[in-house]
N, C-alpha and C. Protein backbone atom coordinates (compact mmCIF):
# COMPACT_ATOMS: atom_id res chain seq x y z
N UNK A 1 0.74 -1.14 -0.05
CA UNK A 1 0.03 0.00 0.01
C UNK A 1 0.90 1.26 -0.07
N UNK A 2 1.80 1.31 0.78
CA UNK A 2 2.73 2.48 1.03
C UNK A 2 3.87 2.34 -0.05
N UNK A 3 3.78 3.47 -0.98
CA UNK A 3 4.82 3.42 -1.98
C UNK A 3 6.16 3.99 -1.36
N UNK A 4 7.26 3.19 -1.22
CA UNK A 4 8.32 3.72 -0.68
C UNK A 4 9.21 4.63 -1.59
N UNK A 5 9.73 5.73 -1.14
CA UNK A 5 10.43 6.61 -1.81
C UNK A 5 11.89 6.08 -1.94
N UNK A 6 12.23 5.91 -3.17
CA UNK A 6 13.64 5.48 -3.44
C UNK A 6 14.68 6.54 -4.12
N UNK A 7 15.79 6.44 -4.12
CA UNK A 7 16.53 7.44 -4.86
C UNK A 7 16.39 7.69 -6.35
N UNK A 8 15.56 6.54 -6.84
CA UNK A 8 15.18 6.77 -8.31
C UNK A 8 13.97 7.63 -8.53
N UNK A 9 13.32 7.89 -7.40
CA UNK A 9 12.23 8.82 -7.34
C UNK A 9 12.70 10.25 -7.36
N UNK A 10 12.13 11.01 -8.46
CA UNK A 10 12.64 12.45 -8.53
C UNK A 10 12.27 13.23 -7.29
N UNK A 11 11.42 12.99 -6.40
CA UNK A 11 11.17 13.69 -5.21
C UNK A 11 12.34 13.51 -4.19
N UNK A 12 13.22 12.56 -4.44
CA UNK A 12 14.27 12.12 -3.46
C UNK A 12 15.58 12.90 -4.03
N UNK A 13 15.55 13.27 -5.16
CA UNK A 13 16.83 13.91 -5.91
C UNK A 13 17.34 15.20 -5.07
N UNK A 14 18.50 15.53 -5.12
CA UNK A 14 19.05 16.73 -4.53
C UNK A 14 18.88 17.90 -5.23
N UNK A 15 18.69 19.08 -4.50
CA UNK A 15 18.27 20.34 -5.09
C UNK A 15 19.63 21.07 -5.20
N UNK A 16 19.71 21.79 -6.15
CA UNK A 16 21.04 22.73 -6.50
C UNK A 16 20.47 24.07 -7.01
N UNK A 17 20.39 25.18 -5.90
CA UNK A 17 20.08 26.56 -6.41
C UNK A 17 21.34 27.18 -6.76
N UNK A 18 21.37 28.14 -7.60
CA UNK A 18 22.39 28.96 -7.98
C UNK A 18 23.02 29.80 -6.77
N UNK A 19 22.35 29.99 -5.79
CA UNK A 19 22.73 30.74 -4.58
C UNK A 19 23.84 30.00 -3.76
N UNK A 20 23.59 28.65 -3.94
CA UNK A 20 24.56 27.79 -3.24
C UNK A 20 26.16 28.00 -3.69
N UNK A 21 26.31 28.47 -4.88
CA UNK A 21 27.80 28.67 -5.23
C UNK A 21 27.95 30.37 -5.71
N UNK A 22 27.06 31.24 -5.42
CA UNK A 22 27.20 32.56 -5.82
C UNK A 22 28.11 33.25 -4.73
N UNK A 23 29.10 33.84 -5.23
CA UNK A 23 30.15 34.65 -4.58
C UNK A 23 29.50 35.97 -3.85
N UNK A 24 28.43 36.31 -4.41
CA UNK A 24 27.87 37.67 -3.92
C UNK A 24 26.95 37.28 -2.53
N UNK A 25 26.68 36.04 -2.32
CA UNK A 25 25.95 35.77 -1.18
C UNK A 25 26.68 35.40 0.07
N UNK A 26 26.16 35.56 1.23
CA UNK A 26 26.92 34.98 2.46
C UNK A 26 26.51 33.59 2.93
N UNK A 27 27.08 32.98 3.74
CA UNK A 27 26.58 31.79 4.30
C UNK A 27 25.35 31.97 4.73
N UNK A 28 24.87 32.90 5.51
CA UNK A 28 23.49 33.23 6.02
C UNK A 28 22.54 33.29 4.82
N UNK A 29 22.88 33.89 3.71
CA UNK A 29 22.02 34.03 2.64
C UNK A 29 21.96 32.83 1.81
N UNK A 30 22.70 31.76 2.13
CA UNK A 30 22.47 30.50 1.46
C UNK A 30 23.65 29.91 0.65
N UNK A 31 24.80 30.54 0.69
CA UNK A 31 25.95 29.95 0.01
C UNK A 31 26.39 28.82 0.70
N UNK A 32 26.82 27.91 -0.02
CA UNK A 32 27.13 26.39 0.65
C UNK A 32 28.65 26.05 0.41
N UNK A 33 29.36 26.92 -0.27
CA UNK A 33 30.81 26.52 -0.66
C UNK A 33 31.75 27.64 -0.14
N UNK A 34 33.01 27.32 0.17
CA UNK A 34 34.02 28.46 0.47
C UNK A 34 34.00 29.56 -0.35
N UNK A 35 34.19 30.83 0.05
CA UNK A 35 34.13 31.97 -0.82
C UNK A 35 35.15 31.90 -2.00
N UNK A 36 36.36 31.36 -1.73
CA UNK A 36 37.35 31.32 -2.73
C UNK A 36 36.96 30.48 -3.91
N UNK A 37 35.98 29.42 -3.87
CA UNK A 37 35.63 28.54 -4.89
C UNK A 37 34.25 29.02 -5.48
N UNK A 38 33.64 30.08 -4.97
CA UNK A 38 32.33 30.57 -5.59
C UNK A 38 32.56 31.26 -6.91
N UNK A 39 31.42 31.40 -7.57
CA UNK A 39 31.39 32.08 -8.85
C UNK A 39 30.23 33.24 -8.77
N UNK A 40 30.69 34.33 -9.59
CA UNK A 40 29.77 35.59 -9.54
C UNK A 40 28.48 35.14 -10.41
N UNK A 41 27.37 35.27 -9.82
CA UNK A 41 26.08 35.24 -10.48
C UNK A 41 25.91 33.86 -11.48
N UNK A 42 26.00 32.79 -10.91
CA UNK A 42 25.71 31.61 -11.79
C UNK A 42 24.17 31.48 -12.00
N UNK A 43 23.87 30.90 -13.06
CA UNK A 43 22.40 30.64 -13.47
C UNK A 43 22.22 29.18 -13.44
N UNK A 44 20.94 28.90 -13.21
CA UNK A 44 20.47 27.61 -13.22
C UNK A 44 20.60 26.92 -14.54
N UNK A 45 20.57 27.63 -15.49
CA UNK A 45 20.71 27.02 -16.97
C UNK A 45 22.29 26.42 -17.07
N UNK A 46 23.35 27.23 -16.59
CA UNK A 46 24.65 26.92 -16.59
C UNK A 46 24.88 25.63 -15.79
N UNK A 47 24.24 25.75 -14.57
CA UNK A 47 24.46 24.50 -13.63
C UNK A 47 23.65 23.34 -14.41
N UNK A 48 22.56 23.43 -14.99
CA UNK A 48 22.01 22.31 -15.62
C UNK A 48 22.80 21.71 -16.72
N UNK A 49 23.51 22.58 -17.45
CA UNK A 49 24.42 22.05 -18.55
C UNK A 49 25.58 21.26 -18.01
N UNK A 50 26.08 21.81 -16.87
CA UNK A 50 27.36 21.21 -16.46
C UNK A 50 27.03 19.79 -15.70
N UNK A 51 26.05 19.82 -14.89
CA UNK A 51 25.49 18.51 -14.40
C UNK A 51 25.14 17.33 -15.46
N UNK A 52 24.50 17.90 -16.60
CA UNK A 52 23.97 16.99 -17.58
C UNK A 52 25.19 16.50 -18.31
N UNK A 53 26.39 17.14 -18.44
CA UNK A 53 27.64 16.63 -19.02
C UNK A 53 28.40 15.72 -18.03
N UNK A 54 28.01 15.92 -16.71
CA UNK A 54 28.78 15.20 -15.78
C UNK A 54 28.00 13.69 -15.64
N UNK A 55 27.07 13.29 -16.57
CA UNK A 55 26.47 12.08 -16.44
C UNK A 55 25.33 12.06 -15.27
N UNK A 56 24.85 13.09 -14.74
CA UNK A 56 23.86 13.11 -13.81
C UNK A 56 22.41 13.15 -14.49
N UNK A 57 21.40 12.43 -13.90
CA UNK A 57 20.04 12.61 -14.25
C UNK A 57 19.71 13.90 -13.70
N UNK A 58 19.17 14.89 -14.61
CA UNK A 58 18.86 16.26 -14.24
C UNK A 58 17.65 16.77 -14.59
N UNK A 59 17.02 17.69 -14.00
CA UNK A 59 15.70 18.18 -14.17
C UNK A 59 15.73 19.69 -13.74
N UNK A 60 15.35 20.67 -14.58
CA UNK A 60 15.36 21.94 -14.28
C UNK A 60 13.95 22.47 -13.73
N UNK A 61 13.81 23.11 -12.77
CA UNK A 61 12.49 23.50 -12.14
C UNK A 61 12.38 24.92 -11.89
N UNK A 62 11.48 25.54 -12.23
CA UNK A 62 11.15 27.03 -12.10
C UNK A 62 10.72 27.27 -10.54
N UNK A 63 11.81 27.41 -9.72
CA UNK A 63 11.50 27.77 -8.31
C UNK A 63 12.51 28.76 -7.95
N UNK A 64 12.22 29.29 -6.80
CA UNK A 64 13.11 30.37 -6.06
C UNK A 64 13.78 29.73 -4.76
N UNK A 65 14.86 30.17 -4.48
CA UNK A 65 15.59 29.89 -3.15
C UNK A 65 14.78 30.59 -2.06
N UNK A 66 14.37 30.12 -1.04
CA UNK A 66 13.53 31.00 -0.07
C UNK A 66 14.15 32.33 0.49
N UNK A 67 15.57 32.41 0.38
CA UNK A 67 16.28 33.40 0.99
C UNK A 67 16.72 34.34 -0.11
N UNK A 68 16.34 33.95 -1.37
CA UNK A 68 16.72 35.02 -2.31
C UNK A 68 15.85 36.21 -2.55
N UNK A 69 16.52 37.29 -2.15
CA UNK A 69 15.76 38.60 -2.17
C UNK A 69 15.32 39.07 -3.54
N UNK A 70 16.19 38.86 -4.48
CA UNK A 70 15.91 39.43 -5.93
C UNK A 70 15.02 38.41 -6.64
N UNK A 71 13.94 38.91 -7.32
CA UNK A 71 13.10 38.22 -7.93
C UNK A 71 13.11 38.20 -9.45
N UNK A 72 14.35 38.34 -9.83
CA UNK A 72 14.61 38.67 -11.34
C UNK A 72 14.69 37.19 -11.90
N UNK A 73 14.48 37.11 -13.26
CA UNK A 73 14.34 35.83 -13.90
C UNK A 73 15.92 35.26 -13.89
N UNK A 74 16.91 36.04 -13.77
CA UNK A 74 18.22 35.61 -13.89
C UNK A 74 18.48 34.59 -12.70
N UNK A 75 17.91 35.10 -11.41
CA UNK A 75 18.13 34.21 -10.18
C UNK A 75 17.02 33.03 -9.99
N UNK A 76 16.07 32.98 -10.94
CA UNK A 76 15.06 31.90 -10.78
C UNK A 76 15.74 30.58 -11.26
N UNK A 77 15.09 29.52 -10.76
CA UNK A 77 15.48 28.20 -11.23
C UNK A 77 16.17 27.38 -10.17
N UNK A 78 15.87 26.03 -10.21
CA UNK A 78 16.41 25.14 -9.23
C UNK A 78 16.73 23.77 -9.97
N UNK A 79 17.90 23.31 -9.96
CA UNK A 79 18.23 22.01 -10.56
C UNK A 79 18.27 20.93 -9.70
N UNK A 80 17.32 19.98 -10.02
CA UNK A 80 17.29 18.71 -9.26
C UNK A 80 18.19 17.57 -10.07
N UNK A 81 18.94 16.90 -9.18
CA UNK A 81 19.73 15.94 -9.92
C UNK A 81 19.76 14.65 -8.92
N UNK A 82 19.81 13.46 -9.62
CA UNK A 82 20.10 12.27 -8.96
C UNK A 82 21.60 11.88 -8.47
N UNK A 83 21.76 12.10 -7.23
CA UNK A 83 23.06 11.98 -6.63
C UNK A 83 23.41 10.39 -6.53
N UNK A 84 22.38 9.61 -6.13
CA UNK A 84 22.68 8.12 -5.81
C UNK A 84 21.72 7.30 -6.63
N UNK A 85 22.03 6.12 -6.72
CA UNK A 85 21.15 5.06 -7.33
C UNK A 85 20.23 4.55 -6.18
N UNK A 86 19.17 3.69 -6.48
CA UNK A 86 18.42 3.20 -5.56
C UNK A 86 19.09 2.27 -4.45
N UNK A 87 20.14 1.48 -4.90
CA UNK A 87 20.89 0.74 -4.01
C UNK A 87 22.09 1.54 -3.20
N UNK A 88 22.13 2.91 -3.28
CA UNK A 88 23.08 3.79 -2.47
C UNK A 88 24.33 4.05 -3.19
N UNK A 89 24.57 3.56 -4.39
CA UNK A 89 25.78 3.89 -5.13
C UNK A 89 25.70 5.32 -5.77
N UNK A 90 26.76 6.06 -5.60
CA UNK A 90 26.77 7.28 -6.35
C UNK A 90 26.55 7.25 -7.83
N UNK A 91 25.87 7.97 -8.46
CA UNK A 91 25.59 8.01 -9.93
C UNK A 91 26.97 8.40 -10.65
N UNK A 92 27.71 9.37 -9.96
CA UNK A 92 28.90 9.69 -10.58
C UNK A 92 30.04 9.43 -9.34
N UNK A 93 30.77 8.37 -9.59
CA UNK A 93 31.81 8.06 -8.37
C UNK A 93 32.89 9.11 -8.06
N UNK A 94 33.15 9.97 -9.01
CA UNK A 94 34.02 11.08 -8.85
C UNK A 94 33.40 12.00 -7.93
N UNK A 95 32.04 12.08 -7.83
CA UNK A 95 31.35 13.20 -7.15
C UNK A 95 30.36 12.61 -6.20
N UNK A 96 30.75 12.02 -5.03
CA UNK A 96 30.11 11.14 -4.30
C UNK A 96 29.12 12.04 -3.42
N UNK A 97 29.13 13.22 -3.07
CA UNK A 97 28.32 13.99 -2.22
C UNK A 97 27.84 15.33 -2.88
N UNK A 98 27.12 16.05 -2.21
CA UNK A 98 26.53 17.40 -2.76
C UNK A 98 27.58 18.34 -2.80
N UNK A 99 28.34 18.37 -1.65
CA UNK A 99 29.34 19.39 -1.78
C UNK A 99 30.42 19.27 -2.76
N UNK A 100 30.76 17.97 -3.15
CA UNK A 100 31.62 17.86 -4.29
C UNK A 100 31.07 18.30 -5.56
N UNK A 101 29.69 18.03 -5.62
CA UNK A 101 29.17 18.49 -6.92
C UNK A 101 28.90 20.14 -7.12
N UNK A 102 28.75 20.82 -5.97
CA UNK A 102 28.74 22.30 -5.77
C UNK A 102 30.12 22.82 -6.32
N UNK A 103 31.19 22.31 -5.63
CA UNK A 103 32.57 22.70 -6.18
C UNK A 103 32.95 22.38 -7.41
N UNK A 104 32.47 21.18 -7.99
CA UNK A 104 32.65 20.86 -9.39
C UNK A 104 32.10 21.90 -10.25
N UNK A 105 30.70 22.09 -10.04
CA UNK A 105 30.00 23.05 -10.81
C UNK A 105 30.63 24.47 -10.83
N UNK A 106 30.97 25.02 -9.68
CA UNK A 106 31.59 26.28 -9.53
C UNK A 106 32.92 26.35 -10.31
N UNK A 107 33.66 25.37 -10.38
CA UNK A 107 34.86 25.39 -10.99
C UNK A 107 34.67 25.26 -12.50
N UNK A 108 33.73 24.78 -13.07
CA UNK A 108 33.36 24.77 -14.55
C UNK A 108 32.66 25.89 -15.21
N UNK A 109 31.87 26.57 -14.28
CA UNK A 109 31.11 27.74 -14.91
C UNK A 109 32.05 28.73 -15.50
N UNK A 110 33.21 29.19 -14.93
CA UNK A 110 34.03 30.28 -15.51
C UNK A 110 34.46 29.83 -17.07
N UNK A 111 34.51 28.35 -17.31
CA UNK A 111 35.14 27.83 -18.40
C UNK A 111 34.05 27.76 -19.60
N UNK A 112 32.73 27.90 -19.34
CA UNK A 112 31.75 27.92 -20.18
C UNK A 112 32.00 28.92 -21.37
N UNK A 113 31.64 28.68 -22.55
CA UNK A 113 31.60 29.60 -23.61
C UNK A 113 30.77 30.64 -23.43
N UNK A 114 29.62 30.57 -22.96
CA UNK A 114 28.71 31.50 -22.69
C UNK A 114 29.28 32.54 -21.73
N UNK A 115 30.00 32.07 -20.70
CA UNK A 115 30.61 32.92 -19.73
C UNK A 115 31.78 33.83 -20.36
N UNK A 116 32.51 33.11 -21.35
CA UNK A 116 33.64 33.72 -22.00
C UNK A 116 33.22 34.90 -22.87
N UNK A 117 32.07 34.69 -23.64
CA UNK A 117 31.62 35.79 -24.47
C UNK A 117 30.91 36.82 -23.77
N UNK A 118 30.33 36.47 -22.72
CA UNK A 118 29.58 37.52 -21.87
C UNK A 118 30.65 38.45 -21.36
N UNK A 119 31.84 38.09 -20.93
CA UNK A 119 32.73 38.96 -20.29
C UNK A 119 33.38 39.72 -21.35
N UNK A 120 33.37 39.35 -22.46
CA UNK A 120 34.11 40.09 -23.75
C UNK A 120 33.02 41.20 -24.15
N UNK A 121 31.78 41.06 -24.03
CA UNK A 121 30.76 41.97 -24.65
C UNK A 121 30.81 43.41 -24.03
N UNK A 122 30.94 43.57 -22.81
CA UNK A 122 30.89 44.90 -22.15
C UNK A 122 32.01 45.83 -22.72
N UNK A 123 33.20 45.19 -22.88
CA UNK A 123 34.29 45.96 -23.50
C UNK A 123 34.26 46.41 -25.05
N UNK A 124 33.26 45.67 -25.81
CA UNK A 124 32.93 46.04 -27.02
C UNK A 124 32.01 47.01 -27.13
N UNK A 125 30.95 46.88 -26.41
CA UNK A 125 29.77 47.89 -26.40
C UNK A 125 30.17 49.22 -25.89
N UNK A 126 31.24 49.37 -24.96
CA UNK A 126 31.47 50.56 -24.36
C UNK A 126 32.13 51.70 -25.21
N UNK A 127 32.70 51.13 -26.23
CA UNK A 127 33.55 52.04 -27.09
C UNK A 127 32.49 52.83 -28.02
N UNK A 128 31.50 52.30 -28.73
CA UNK A 128 30.61 52.91 -29.56
C UNK A 128 29.78 53.96 -28.66
N UNK A 129 29.30 53.57 -27.48
CA UNK A 129 28.42 54.32 -26.57
C UNK A 129 29.26 55.70 -26.41
N UNK A 130 30.54 55.62 -26.18
CA UNK A 130 31.17 57.00 -25.85
C UNK A 130 31.20 57.93 -26.99
N UNK A 131 31.26 57.47 -28.23
CA UNK A 131 31.29 58.31 -29.37
C UNK A 131 29.84 59.00 -29.54
N UNK A 132 28.81 58.24 -29.19
CA UNK A 132 27.45 58.93 -29.18
C UNK A 132 27.25 60.03 -28.15
N UNK A 133 27.90 59.93 -27.04
CA UNK A 133 27.76 60.88 -26.06
C UNK A 133 28.40 62.13 -26.31
N UNK A 134 29.24 62.13 -27.34
CA UNK A 134 30.11 63.30 -27.61
C UNK A 134 29.43 64.23 -28.61
N UNK A 135 28.18 63.99 -28.77
CA UNK A 135 27.41 64.71 -29.78
C UNK A 135 27.17 66.18 -29.50
N UNK A 136 26.48 66.71 -30.31
CA UNK A 136 26.15 68.21 -30.08
C UNK A 136 25.40 68.67 -28.85
N UNK A 137 25.97 69.62 -28.18
CA UNK A 137 25.23 70.16 -27.01
C UNK A 137 24.08 70.85 -27.32
N UNK A 138 23.14 70.48 -26.47
CA UNK A 138 21.89 71.22 -26.56
C UNK A 138 21.70 72.70 -25.81
N UNK A 139 21.15 73.63 -26.41
CA UNK A 139 21.21 75.03 -25.80
C UNK A 139 19.93 75.09 -24.85
N UNK A 140 20.08 75.74 -24.02
CA UNK A 140 18.81 75.88 -23.00
C UNK A 140 17.69 76.74 -23.65
N UNK A 141 16.42 76.44 -23.45
CA UNK A 141 15.38 77.24 -24.10
C UNK A 141 14.63 77.86 -22.90
N UNK A 142 14.08 78.97 -23.24
CA UNK A 142 13.42 79.80 -22.21
C UNK A 142 11.90 79.65 -22.38
């Protein structure tokens, strides 16, 4: 009668919010890894891609961390991943616990192509904006 929840059941999978590895958050605000290993503003989509490539069963949910004060779309999202099989063996033997998964994801996020192109964009956009700002001055009207 009672359906036993096993590790194969998605309800038993581990949760991974971007707050857990965000360098801009304190331990009290939800960060779970050391500050030296944290990343600036990770997204749930980036975490999803990394865990998917690490051979985890992953699921992306549209949820917010309870302590997240900013309600922007950038900070929304929760990644659920299967950490262990039903018999207790880890899905990925190199990453046996949640903290190892958090540190692994934080180490790979800066290496993503989307991160590298995003860091180059502000430098390219700032130069044309300065040329437009030097335009003709407006005279005051009475």
